[in-house]
Amino acid sequence: MPTKLAVVAIGGNSLITDPKQPQVSHQWDAVRVTCEHIADMFSEGWNVIVTHGNGPQVGFILRRSELASGEVHTVPLDLIVADTQGSIGYMLQQSLDNALRRRGINRTILTVVTQVRVDSNDPAFEKPNKPIGGFMTEEQARRYQAEGWSVMEDAGRGWRRVVASPKPLAIQEINAIRALIMNDYIVIAGGGGGVPVIRDEQGELRGAFAVIDKDRASSLLAQQLRADILVISTGVERVAINFNKPDQKMLEQMTLAEARAYMEAGHFAPGSMLPKVEAAIDFVQMGGPFAIITDPEHLAQALRGEAGTRIVPG
């Protein structure tokens, strides 16, 4: 049994490689390719727990629910997050099983529907900033804004709908996840950052209208499992400063101090690279050896120090 544990967080947008072709068949193609890269990690002696984003998928389902509201009941956001944990988890389970079998590795893979507790008084509920759904022109965004949507421009890539993104405080199923890993299961957990839940005045769990940032939730999961590494997979091979500017610079490594300085200087876009860097910082400053930010095709190379951006203590 592998002794090194990596938490690998796959971005929701990396499951949709072409925004103009978000159809499920294309999502399958992207998932299969990503799972080939994850399977390479197992071949190199790592045990992996997989988390994933769901921003585009949640937005599509929410809009579909709104459009169908004249015919069928609407679906609340917490149930949509749970739905995507099941659907994306199923795609990852099947694709990773096939990729591992091609390498002669026979392991049982399962998805844990994961609840993540947040604070009902988190200020994020008053200031939505988590992008969901597809990209829009500003004209489209303003039209939806008039319908009551919160919208924002997303890192120069277009406009998107945004919802609240409270800070993850506790993973409700952490003991079950830990037990499964100890018994040699491959676990997919914390999908979409987990279903956001709060405790009401009676102390009971209730869903919240929000989407937790999956990188922050993945960092919390990695800390609680005492993982050897947190890997955040995204759409670019390396983190850049002065992104999309003539003096753009790709970074091979950042210390905690350097990462904080770049953050304070505004190099990382909110709702895009910023939460990834924050999640990496959280993991490392809480004792994690190092974190990596890279794209799916460079996962194995990044673990060998040949690609990606490493965030290290100092």
C-alpha atoms as a PDB file:
ATOM      1  CA  MET A   1       0.000   0.000   0.000  1.00  0.00           C
ATOM      2  CA  PRO A   2       1.402   3.453  -0.904  1.00  0.00           C
ATOM      3  CA  THR A   3       2.497   5.482   2.100  1.00  0.00           C
ATOM      4  CA  LYS A   4       2.569   8.960   0.556  1.00  0.00           C
ATOM      5  CA  LEU A   5      -0.814  10.708   0.461  1.00  0.00           C
ATOM      6  CA  ALA A   6      -1.647  13.488  -1.983  1.00  0.00           C
ATOM      7  CA  VAL A   7      -4.866  15.476  -2.049  1.00  0.00           C
ATOM      8  CA  VAL A   8      -5.456  16.442  -5.682  1.00  0.00           C
ATOM      9  CA  ALA A   9      -8.003  19.182  -6.361  1.00  0.00           C
ATOM     10  CA  ILE A  10      -9.301  19.235  -9.947  1.00  0.00           C
ATOM     11  CA  GLY A  11     -10.824  22.479 -11.206  1.00  0.00           C
ATOM     12  CA  GLY A  12     -14.401  22.519 -12.483  1.00  0.00           C
ATOM     13  CA  ASN A  13     -13.248  24.460 -15.528  1.00  0.00           C
ATOM     14  CA  SER A  14     -10.525  21.913 -16.296  1.00  0.00           C
ATOM     15  CA  LEU A  15     -13.349  19.385 -16.739  1.00  0.00           C
ATOM     16  CA  ILE A  16     -14.711  21.641 -19.493  1.00  0.00           C
ATOM     17  CA  THR A  17     -11.685  22.313 -21.680  1.00  0.00           C
ATOM     18  CA  ASP A  18     -13.622  24.314 -24.293  1.00  0.00           C
ATOM     19  CA  PRO A  19     -16.249  26.730 -22.897  1.00  0.00           C
ATOM     20  CA  LYS A  20     -18.015  26.611 -26.275  1.00  0.00           C
ATOM     21  CA  GLN A  21     -18.486  22.843 -25.918  1.00  0.00           C
ATOM     22  CA  PRO A  22     -19.693  22.163 -22.364  1.00  0.00           C
ATOM     23  CA  GLN A  23     -21.754  19.118 -23.370  1.00  0.00           C
ATOM     24  CA  VAL A  24     -21.496  16.015 -21.190  1.00  0.00           C
ATOM     25  CA  SER A  25     -19.746  14.012 -23.920  1.00  0.00           C
ATOM     26  CA  HIS A  26     -16.913  16.549 -23.931  1.00  0.00           C
ATOM     27  CA  GLN A  27     -16.812  16.524 -20.125  1.00  0.00           C
ATOM     28  CA  TRP A  28     -16.315  12.755 -20.286  1.00  0.00           C
ATOM     29  CA  ASP A  29     -13.368  13.265 -22.642  1.00  0.00           C
ATOM     30  CA  ALA A  30     -11.759  15.750 -20.245  1.00  0.00           C
ATOM     31  CA  VAL A  31     -12.339  13.558 -17.185  1.00  0.00           C
ATOM     32  CA  ARG A  32     -10.787  10.534 -18.902  1.00  0.00           C
ATOM     33  CA  VAL A  33      -7.673  12.485 -19.826  1.00  0.00           C
ATOM     34  CA  THR A  34      -7.365  13.933 -16.305  1.00  0.00           C
ATOM     35  CA  CYS A  35      -7.719  10.472 -14.745  1.00  0.00           C
ATOM     36  CA  GLU A  36      -4.876   9.164 -16.895  1.00  0.00           C
ATOM     37  CA  HIS A  37      -2.636  11.767 -15.272  1.00  0.00           C
ATOM     38  CA  ILE A  38      -3.928  10.929 -11.778  1.00  0.00           C
ATOM     39  CA  ALA A  39      -3.319   7.231 -12.471  1.00  0.00           C
ATOM     40  CA  ASP A  40       0.318   8.064 -13.253  1.00  0.00           C
ATOM     41  CA  MET A  41       0.626   9.312  -9.654  1.00  0.00           C
ATOM     42  CA  PHE A  42      -0.415   5.887  -8.355  1.00  0.00           C
ATOM     43  CA  SER A  43       2.143   4.260 -10.653  1.00  0.00           C
ATOM     44  CA  GLU A  44       4.810   6.436  -9.010  1.00  0.00           C
ATOM     45  CA  GLY A  45       3.877   5.279  -5.503  1.00  0.00           C
ATOM     46  CA  TRP A  46       1.387   7.920  -4.373  1.00  0.00           C
ATOM     47  CA  ASN A  47      -1.977   7.327  -2.784  1.00  0.00           C
ATOM     48  CA  VAL A  48      -4.410   9.989  -3.947  1.00  0.00           C
ATOM     49  CA  ILE A  49      -7.637  11.436  -2.626  1.00  0.00           C
ATOM     50  CA  VAL A  50      -9.435  13.421  -5.327  1.00  0.00           C
ATOM     51  CA  THR A  51     -11.503  16.554  -4.883  1.00  0.00           C
ATOM     52  CA  HIS A  52     -13.082  18.504  -7.712  1.00  0.00           C
ATOM     53  CA  GLY A  53     -14.687  21.781  -8.635  1.00  0.00           C
ATOM     54  CA  ASN A  54     -18.201  22.171  -9.999  1.00  0.00           C
ATOM     55  CA  GLY A  55     -18.604  25.875 -10.746  1.00  0.00           C
ATOM     56  CA  PRO A  56     -19.627  25.595 -14.405  1.00  0.00           C
ATOM     57  CA  GLN A  57     -21.822  22.560 -13.798  1.00  0.00           C
ATOM     58  CA  VAL A  58     -23.636  24.145 -10.837  1.00  0.00           C
ATOM     59  CA  GLY A  59     -24.334  27.250 -12.868  1.00  0.00           C
ATOM     60  CA  PHE A  60     -25.750  25.250 -15.770  1.00  0.00           C
ATOM     61  CA  ILE A  61     -28.043  23.206 -13.505  1.00  0.00           C
ATOM     62  CA  LEU A  62     -29.215  26.299 -11.620  1.00  0.00           C
ATOM     63  CA  ARG A  63     -30.078  28.076 -14.873  1.00  0.00           C
ATOM     64  CA  ARG A  64     -31.804  24.965 -16.204  1.00  0.00           C
ATOM     65  CA  SER A  65     -33.897  24.888 -13.031  1.00  0.00           C
ATOM     66  CA  GLU A  66     -34.837  28.549 -13.446  1.00  0.00           C
ATOM     67  CA  LEU A  67     -35.819  28.093 -17.089  1.00  0.00           C
ATOM     68  CA  ALA A  68     -37.983  25.063 -16.233  1.00  0.00           C
ATOM     69  CA  SER A  69     -39.652  26.694 -13.216  1.00  0.00           C
ATOM     70  CA  GLY A  70     -42.937  27.122 -15.092  1.00  0.00           C
ATOM     71  CA  GLU A  71     -43.187  23.349 -15.524  1.00  0.00           C
ATOM     72  CA  VAL A  72     -41.396  21.695 -12.597  1.00  0.00           C
ATOM     73  CA  HIS A  73     -40.161  22.640  -9.139  1.00  0.00           C
ATOM     74  CA  THR A  74     -36.872  24.539  -8.778  1.00  0.00           C
ATOM     75  CA  VAL A  75     -33.815  22.944  -7.186  1.00  0.00           C
ATOM     76  CA  PRO A  76     -32.048  24.648  -4.243  1.00  0.00           C
ATOM     77  CA  LEU A  77     -28.320  25.277  -4.547  1.00  0.00           C
ATOM     78  CA  ASP A  78     -27.264  22.835  -1.801  1.00  0.00           C
ATOM     79  CA  LEU A  79     -29.020  19.980  -3.629  1.00  0.00           C
ATOM     80  CA  ILE A  80     -27.387  21.043  -6.891  1.00  0.00           C
ATOM     81  CA  VAL A  81     -23.962  20.806  -5.225  1.00  0.00           C
ATOM     82  CA  ALA A  82     -24.859  17.342  -3.927  1.00  0.00           C
ATOM     83  CA  ASP A  83     -26.087  16.355  -7.406  1.00  0.00           C
ATOM     84  CA  THR A  84     -22.767  17.355  -8.955  1.00  0.00           C
ATOM     85  CA  GLN A  85     -20.834  15.470  -6.277  1.00  0.00           C
ATOM     86  CA  GLY A  86     -22.648  12.367  -7.454  1.00  0.00           C
ATOM     87  CA  SER A  87     -22.429  12.952 -11.207  1.00  0.00           C
ATOM     88  CA  ILE A  88     -18.829  14.182 -11.400  1.00  0.00           C
ATOM     89  CA  GLY A  89     -17.813  11.622  -8.765  1.00  0.00           C
ATOM     90  CA  TYR A  90     -19.316   8.864 -10.916  1.00  0.00           C
ATOM     91  CA  MET A  91     -17.365  10.087 -13.955  1.00  0.00           C
ATOM     92  CA  LEU A  92     -14.133  10.186 -11.960  1.00  0.00           C
ATOM     93  CA  GLN A  93     -14.754   6.760 -10.391  1.00  0.00           C
ATOM     94  CA  GLN A  94     -15.320   5.080 -13.724  1.00  0.00           C
ATOM     95  CA  SER A  95     -12.511   6.852 -15.582  1.00  0.00           C
ATOM     96  CA  LEU A  96      -9.930   6.366 -12.832  1.00  0.00           C
ATOM     97  CA  ASP A  97     -10.863   2.688 -12.444  1.00  0.00           C
ATOM     98  CA  ASN A  98     -10.289   2.153 -16.182  1.00  0.00           C
ATOM     99  CA  ALA A  99      -7.001   4.096 -16.148  1.00  0.00           C
ATOM    100  CA  LEU A 100      -5.664   2.155 -13.148  1.00  0.00           C
ATOM    101  CA  ARG A 101      -6.642  -1.227 -14.587  1.00  0.00           C
ATOM    102  CA  ARG A 102      -4.670  -0.415 -17.729  1.00  0.00           C
ATOM    103  CA  ARG A 103      -1.675  -0.051 -15.424  1.00  0.00           C
ATOM    104  CA  GLY A 104      -2.369  -3.330 -13.618  1.00  0.00           C
ATOM    105  CA  ILE A 105      -3.668  -1.601 -10.486  1.00  0.00           C
ATOM    106  CA  ASN A 106      -6.890  -2.954  -8.984  1.00  0.00           C
ATOM    107  CA  ARG A 107      -8.366  -0.670  -6.313  1.00  0.00           C
ATOM    108  CA  THR A 108     -11.924   0.159  -5.254  1.00  0.00           C
ATOM    109  CA  ILE A 109     -12.881   3.799  -5.832  1.00  0.00           C
ATOM    110  CA  LEU A 110     -15.864   5.511  -4.245  1.00  0.00           C
ATOM    111  CA  THR A 111     -17.366   8.967  -3.861  1.00  0.00           C
ATOM    112  CA  VAL A 112     -18.374  10.370  -0.478  1.00  0.00           C
ATOM    113  CA  VAL A 113     -21.176  12.929  -0.530  1.00  0.00           C
ATOM    114  CA  THR A 114     -19.481  15.466   1.703  1.00  0.00           C
ATOM    115  CA  GLN A 115     -21.024  18.178   3.854  1.00  0.00           C
ATOM    116  CA  VAL A 116     -18.831  21.082   4.925  1.00  0.00           C
ATOM    117  CA  ARG A 117     -19.931  23.305   7.773  1.00  0.00           C
ATOM    118  CA  VAL A 118     -19.787  27.081   7.385  1.00  0.00           C
ATOM    119  CA  ASP A 119     -20.720  29.994   9.636  1.00  0.00           C
ATOM    120  CA  SER A 120     -24.198  31.401   8.987  1.00  0.00           C
ATOM    121  CA  ASN A 121     -22.777  34.850   9.855  1.00  0.00           C
ATOM    122  CA  ASP A 122     -19.885  34.599   7.408  1.00  0.00           C
ATOM    123  CA  PRO A 123     -19.582  38.005   5.672  1.00  0.00           C
ATOM    124  CA  ALA A 124     -19.355  36.192   2.316  1.00  0.00           C
ATOM    125  CA  PHE A 125     -23.160  35.826   2.383  1.00  0.00           C
ATOM    126  CA  GLU A 126     -23.376  39.619   2.056  1.00  0.00           C
ATOM    127  CA  LYS A 127     -20.766  39.828  -0.707  1.00  0.00           C
ATOM    128  CA  PRO A 128     -21.109  37.074  -3.353  1.00  0.00           C
ATOM    129  CA  ASN A 129     -17.880  36.561  -5.323  1.00  0.00           C
ATOM    130  CA  LYS A 130     -17.718  32.865  -6.327  1.00  0.00           C
ATOM    131  CA  PRO A 131     -18.173  32.442 -10.121  1.00  0.00           C
ATOM    132  CA  ILE A 132     -20.493  29.695 -11.334  1.00  0.00           C
ATOM    133  CA  GLY A 133     -21.814  28.785 -14.759  1.00  0.00           C
ATOM    134  CA  GLY A 134     -20.394  29.695 -18.144  1.00  0.00           C
ATOM    135  CA  PHE A 135     -18.774  32.886 -19.359  1.00  0.00           C
ATOM    136  CA  MET A 136     -20.912  35.721 -20.741  1.00  0.00           C
ATOM    137  CA  THR A 137     -20.432  39.035 -22.449  1.00  0.00           C
ATOM    138  CA  GLU A 138     -20.927  42.109 -20.296  1.00  0.00           C
ATOM    139  CA  GLU A 139     -24.174  42.817 -22.153  1.00  0.00           C
ATOM    140  CA  GLN A 140     -25.555  39.384 -21.273  1.00  0.00           C
ATOM    141  CA  ALA A 141     -24.370  39.725 -17.677  1.00  0.00           C
ATOM    142  CA  ARG A 142     -26.075  43.097 -17.239  1.00  0.00           C
ATOM    143  CA  ARG A 143     -29.308  41.647 -18.602  1.00  0.00           C
ATOM    144  CA  TYR A 144     -29.230  38.810 -16.069  1.00  0.00           C
ATOM    145  CA  GLN A 145     -28.249  41.279 -13.363  1.00  0.00           C
ATOM    146  CA  ALA A 146     -31.527  43.053 -14.017  1.00  0.00           C
ATOM    147  CA  GLU A 147     -33.260  39.713 -13.265  1.00  0.00           C
ATOM    148  CA  GLY A 148     -31.626  39.627  -9.828  1.00  0.00           C
ATOM    149  CA  TRP A 149     -28.345  37.827 -10.509  1.00  0.00           C
ATOM    150  CA  SER A 150     -25.067  38.904  -8.926  1.00  0.00           C
ATOM    151  CA  VAL A 151     -22.424  39.097 -11.678  1.00  0.00           C
ATOM    152  CA  MET A 152     -18.734  39.992 -11.964  1.00  0.00           C
ATOM    153  CA  GLU A 153     -15.933  40.050 -14.500  1.00  0.00           C
ATOM    154  CA  ASP A 154     -13.734  36.949 -14.106  1.00  0.00           C
ATOM    155  CA  ALA A 155      -9.990  37.491 -14.555  1.00  0.00           C
ATOM    156  CA  GLY A 156     -10.266  38.978 -18.039  1.00  0.00           C
ATOM    157  CA  ARG A 157     -11.999  35.902 -19.419  1.00  0.00           C
ATOM    158  CA  GLY A 158     -15.551  37.212 -19.455  1.00  0.00           C
ATOM    159  CA  TRP A 159     -18.454  37.789 -17.086  1.00  0.00           C
ATOM    160  CA  ARG A 160     -20.016  35.146 -14.832  1.00  0.00           C
ATOM    161  CA  ARG A 161     -22.726  34.740 -12.269  1.00  0.00           C
ATOM    162  CA  VAL A 162     -21.481  34.783  -8.666  1.00  0.00           C
ATOM    163  CA  VAL A 163     -22.822  33.385  -5.384  1.00  0.00           C
ATOM    164  CA  ALA A 164     -21.654  33.500  -1.774  1.00  0.00           C
ATOM    165  CA  SER A 165     -18.498  31.537  -0.925  1.00  0.00           C
ATOM    166  CA  PRO A 166     -18.187  31.189   2.879  1.00  0.00           C
ATOM    167  CA  LYS A 167     -15.062  29.846   4.556  1.00  0.00           C
ATOM    168  CA  PRO A 168     -15.079  26.069   5.226  1.00  0.00           C
ATOM    169  CA  LEU A 169     -14.851  25.307   8.949  1.00  0.00           C
ATOM    170  CA  ALA A 170     -15.327  21.545   9.355  1.00  0.00           C
ATOM    171  CA  ILE A 171     -15.758  18.475   7.167  1.00  0.00           C
ATOM    172  CA  GLN A 172     -18.659  16.470   8.571  1.00  0.00           C
ATOM    173  CA  GLU A 173     -17.572  13.133   7.101  1.00  0.00           C
ATOM    174  CA  ILE A 174     -13.841  13.426   7.874  1.00  0.00           C
ATOM    175  CA  ASN A 175     -13.736  10.305  10.085  1.00  0.00           C
ATOM    176  CA  ALA A 176     -15.392   8.181   7.409  1.00  0.00           C
ATOM    177  CA  ILE A 177     -13.012   9.516   4.747  1.00  0.00           C
ATOM    178  CA  ARG A 178      -9.999   8.760   6.971  1.00  0.00           C
ATOM    179  CA  ALA A 179     -11.245   5.217   7.687  1.00  0.00           C
ATOM    180  CA  LEU A 180     -11.771   4.508   3.980  1.00  0.00           C
ATOM    181  CA  ILE A 181      -8.248   5.653   3.100  1.00  0.00           C
ATOM    182  CA  MET A 182      -6.764   3.542   5.901  1.00  0.00           C
ATOM    183  CA  ASN A 183      -8.561   0.533   4.441  1.00  0.00           C
ATOM    184  CA  ASP A 184      -6.998   1.052   0.993  1.00  0.00           C
ATOM    185  CA  TYR A 185      -9.967   2.634  -0.782  1.00  0.00           C
ATOM    186  CA  ILE A 186      -9.459   5.484  -3.241  1.00  0.00           C
ATOM    187  CA  VAL A 187     -11.751   8.293  -2.163  1.00  0.00           C
ATOM    188  CA  ILE A 188     -13.342  11.144  -4.097  1.00  0.00           C
ATOM    189  CA  ALA A 189     -14.589  13.672  -1.555  1.00  0.00           C
ATOM    190  CA  GLY A 190     -15.384  17.321  -1.002  1.00  0.00           C
ATOM    191  CA  GLY A 191     -16.739  17.727  -4.520  1.00  0.00           C
ATOM    192  CA  GLY A 192     -17.448  21.357  -5.334  1.00  0.00           C
ATOM    193  CA  GLY A 193     -15.972  22.303  -1.967  1.00  0.00           C
ATOM    194  CA  GLY A 194     -18.591  20.187  -0.221  1.00  0.00           C
ATOM    195  CA  VAL A 195     -22.279  20.849   0.320  1.00  0.00           C
ATOM    196  CA  PRO A 196     -22.325  24.008   2.477  1.00  0.00           C
ATOM    197  CA  VAL A 197     -24.262  23.429   5.695  1.00  0.00           C
ATOM    198  CA  ILE A 198     -24.885  25.505   8.808  1.00  0.00           C
ATOM    199  CA  ARG A 199     -26.144  24.599  12.271  1.00  0.00           C
ATOM    200  CA  ASP A 200     -29.437  26.291  13.040  1.00  0.00           C
ATOM    201  CA  GLU A 201     -30.603  27.553  16.435  1.00  0.00           C
ATOM    202  CA  GLN A 202     -31.635  23.996  17.389  1.00  0.00           C
ATOM    203  CA  GLY A 203     -28.169  22.695  16.501  1.00  0.00           C
ATOM    204  CA  GLU A 204     -29.402  20.872  13.383  1.00  0.00           C
ATOM    205  CA  LEU A 205     -27.592  20.882  10.037  1.00  0.00           C
ATOM    206  CA  ARG A 206     -29.261  22.764   7.189  1.00  0.00           C
ATOM    207  CA  GLY A 207     -28.089  23.512   3.642  1.00  0.00           C
ATOM    208  CA  ALA A 208     -27.013  27.039   2.674  1.00  0.00           C
ATOM    209  CA  PHE A 209     -27.377  28.994  -0.584  1.00  0.00           C
ATOM    210  CA  ALA A 210     -23.671  29.100  -1.373  1.00  0.00           C
ATOM    211  CA  VAL A 211     -20.798  27.304  -3.083  1.00  0.00           C
ATOM    212  CA  ILE A 212     -17.645  26.717  -1.036  1.00  0.00           C
ATOM    213  CA  ASP A 213     -14.369  27.262  -2.847  1.00  0.00           C
ATOM    214  CA  LYS A 214     -13.088  23.764  -3.572  1.00  0.00           C
ATOM    215  CA  ASP A 215      -9.443  24.741  -3.135  1.00  0.00           C
ATOM    216  CA  ARG A 216     -10.033  26.072   0.384  1.00  0.00           C
ATOM    217  CA  ALA A 217     -12.041  22.960   1.270  1.00  0.00           C
ATOM    218  CA  SER A 218      -9.332  20.738  -0.257  1.00  0.00           C
ATOM    219  CA  SER A 219      -6.690  22.504   1.831  1.00  0.00           C
ATOM    220  CA  LEU A 220      -8.738  21.874   4.975  1.00  0.00           C
ATOM    221  CA  LEU A 221      -9.153  18.209   3.985  1.00  0.00           C
ATOM    222  CA  ALA A 222      -5.409  17.852   3.337  1.00  0.00           C
ATOM    223  CA  GLN A 223      -4.607  19.413   6.710  1.00  0.00           C
ATOM    224  CA  GLN A 224      -6.992  17.143   8.607  1.00  0.00           C
ATOM    225  CA  LEU A 225      -5.716  14.023   6.827  1.00  0.00           C
ATOM    226  CA  ARG A 226      -2.095  15.128   7.354  1.00  0.00           C
ATOM    227  CA  ALA A 227      -1.452  14.681   3.652  1.00  0.00           C
ATOM    228  CA  ASP A 228       2.097  14.803   2.337  1.00  0.00           C
ATOM    229  CA  ILE A 229       1.152  17.221  -0.412  1.00  0.00           C
ATOM    230  CA  LEU A 230      -1.729  19.344  -1.693  1.00  0.00           C
ATOM    231  CA  VAL A 231      -1.924  19.539  -5.479  1.00  0.00           C
ATOM    232  CA  ILE A 232      -4.266  22.115  -7.015  1.00  0.00           C
ATOM    233  CA  SER A 233      -4.944  21.329 -10.657  1.00  0.00           C
ATOM    234  CA  THR A 234      -6.119  24.211 -12.809  1.00  0.00           C
ATOM    235  CA  GLY A 235      -6.063  25.475 -16.394  1.00  0.00           C
ATOM    236  CA  VAL A 236      -2.448  26.683 -16.469  1.00  0.00           C
ATOM    237  CA  GLU A 237       0.853  24.899 -15.927  1.00  0.00           C
ATOM    238  CA  ARG A 238       2.289  27.524 -13.579  1.00  0.00           C
ATOM    239  CA  VAL A 239       1.187  30.491 -11.509  1.00  0.00           C
ATOM    240  CA  ALA A 240       2.075  33.851 -13.056  1.00  0.00           C
ATOM    241  CA  ILE A 241       2.573  37.360 -11.770  1.00  0.00           C
ATOM    242  CA  ASN A 242       1.557  40.269 -14.016  1.00  0.00           C
ATOM    243  CA  PHE A 243      -0.859  37.796 -15.627  1.00  0.00           C
ATOM    244  CA  ASN A 244      -1.794  38.641 -19.253  1.00  0.00           C
ATOM    245  CA  LYS A 245       0.575  41.622 -19.273  1.00  0.00           C
ATOM    246  CA  PRO A 246       3.728  42.164 -21.364  1.00  0.00           C
ATOM    247  CA  ASP A 247       5.911  41.514 -18.290  1.00  0.00           C
ATOM    248  CA  GLN A 248       4.097  38.313 -17.264  1.00  0.00           C
ATOM    249  CA  LYS A 249       6.400  35.964 -15.365  1.00  0.00           C
ATOM    250  CA  MET A 250       5.790  32.280 -14.677  1.00  0.00           C
ATOM    251  CA  LEU A 251       6.827  31.122 -11.205  1.00  0.00           C
ATOM    252  CA  GLU A 252       8.537  27.808 -10.471  1.00  0.00           C
ATOM    253  CA  GLN A 253       8.429  28.346  -6.706  1.00  0.00           C
ATOM    254  CA  MET A 254       7.123  30.734  -4.057  1.00  0.00           C
ATOM    255  CA  THR A 255       7.920  30.857  -0.378  1.00  0.00           C
ATOM    256  CA  LEU A 256       5.068  31.698   1.979  1.00  0.00           C
ATOM    257  CA  ALA A 257       6.443  35.227   2.339  1.00  0.00           C
ATOM    258  CA  GLU A 258       6.720  35.699  -1.421  1.00  0.00           C
ATOM    259  CA  ALA A 259       3.215  34.329  -2.026  1.00  0.00           C
ATOM    260  CA  ARG A 260       1.748  36.717   0.557  1.00  0.00           C
ATOM    261  CA  ALA A 261       3.610  39.648  -0.977  1.00  0.00           C
ATOM    262  CA  TYR A 262       2.306  38.815  -4.458  1.00  0.00           C
ATOM    263  CA  MET A 263      -1.222  38.537  -3.032  1.00  0.00           C
ATOM    264  CA  GLU A 264      -0.977  41.931  -1.356  1.00  0.00           C
ATOM    265  CA  ALA A 265       0.273  43.427  -4.620  1.00  0.00           C
ATOM    266  CA  GLY A 266      -2.875  42.184  -6.363  1.00  0.00           C
ATOM    267  CA  HIS A 267      -1.245  39.706  -8.735  1.00  0.00           C
ATOM    268  CA  PHE A 268      -3.900  36.992  -8.305  1.00  0.00           C
ATOM    269  CA  ALA A 269      -7.489  37.469  -9.447  1.00  0.00           C
ATOM    270  CA  PRO A 270     -10.309  36.936  -6.894  1.00  0.00           C
ATOM    271  CA  GLY A 271     -12.446  33.911  -7.754  1.00  0.00           C
ATOM    272  CA  SER A 272      -9.663  32.578  -9.986  1.00  0.00           C
ATOM    273  CA  MET A 273      -5.994  32.188  -8.935  1.00  0.00           C
ATOM    274  CA  LEU A 274      -6.289  33.995  -5.585  1.00  0.00           C
ATOM    275  CA  PRO A 275      -8.191  31.237  -3.704  1.00  0.00           C
ATOM    276  CA  LYS A 276      -5.760  28.636  -5.091  1.00  0.00           C
ATOM    277  CA  VAL A 277      -2.764  30.500  -3.719  1.00  0.00           C
ATOM    278  CA  GLU A 278      -4.572  31.134  -0.419  1.00  0.00           C
ATOM    279  CA  ALA A 279      -5.398  27.424  -0.127  1.00  0.00           C
ATOM    280  CA  ALA A 280      -1.775  26.464  -0.793  1.00  0.00           C
ATOM    281  CA  ILE A 281      -0.562  28.959   1.812  1.00  0.00           C
ATOM    282  CA  ASP A 282      -3.030  27.610   4.393  1.00  0.00           C
ATOM    283  CA  PHE A 283      -1.834  24.036   3.860  1.00  0.00           C
ATOM    284  CA  VAL A 284       1.880  24.863   4.083  1.00  0.00           C
ATOM    285  CA  GLN A 285       1.653  27.237   7.044  1.00  0.00           C
ATOM    286  CA  MET A 286      -0.288  24.575   8.969  1.00  0.00           C
ATOM    287  CA  GLY A 287       2.570  22.111   8.555  1.00  0.00           C
ATOM    288  CA  GLY A 288       2.180  20.703   5.060  1.00  0.00           C
ATOM    289  CA  PRO A 289       5.597  20.082   3.430  1.00  0.00           C
ATOM    290  CA  PHE A 290       4.680  21.913   0.212  1.00  0.00           C
ATOM    291  CA  ALA A 291       1.841  22.520  -2.229  1.00  0.00           C
ATOM    292  CA  ILE A 292       1.760  22.513  -6.027  1.00  0.00           C
ATOM    293  CA  ILE A 293      -0.384  24.431  -8.502  1.00  0.00           C
ATOM    294  CA  THR A 294      -0.342  23.089 -12.073  1.00  0.00           C
ATOM    295  CA  ASP A 295      -2.545  21.733 -14.874  1.00  0.00           C
ATOM    296  CA  PRO A 296      -3.703  18.097 -15.197  1.00  0.00           C
ATOM    297  CA  GLU A 297      -1.221  17.055 -17.869  1.00  0.00           C
ATOM    298  CA  HIS A 298       1.745  18.095 -15.724  1.00  0.00           C
ATOM    299  CA  LEU A 299       0.680  16.405 -12.457  1.00  0.00           C
ATOM    300  CA  ALA A 300       3.300  13.653 -12.443  1.00  0.00           C
ATOM    301  CA  GLN A 301       6.053  15.989 -13.678  1.00  0.00           C
ATOM    302  CA  ALA A 302       5.165  18.558 -11.012  1.00  0.00           C
ATOM    303  CA  LEU A 303       5.602  15.947  -8.289  1.00  0.00           C
ATOM    304  CA  ARG A 304       9.128  15.378  -9.612  1.00  0.00           C
ATOM    305  CA  GLY A 305       9.827  19.116  -9.553  1.00  0.00           C
ATOM    306  CA  GLU A 306       9.832  19.397 -13.355  1.00  0.00           C
ATOM    307  CA  ALA A 307       6.676  21.512 -13.773  1.00  0.00           C
ATOM    308  CA  GLY A 308       4.121  23.525 -11.863  1.00  0.00           C
ATOM    309  CA  THR A 309       4.542  26.129  -9.137  1.00  0.00           C
ATOM    310  CA  ARG A 310       5.631  24.943  -5.675  1.00  0.00           C
ATOM    311  CA  ILE A 311       4.648  26.789  -2.546  1.00  0.00           C
ATOM    312  CA  VAL A 312       7.200  26.052   0.181  1.00  0.00           C
ATOM    313  CA  PRO A 313       7.645  27.203   3.804  1.00  0.00           C
ATOM    314  CA  GLY A 314      10.697  29.421   3.223  1.00  0.00           C
END
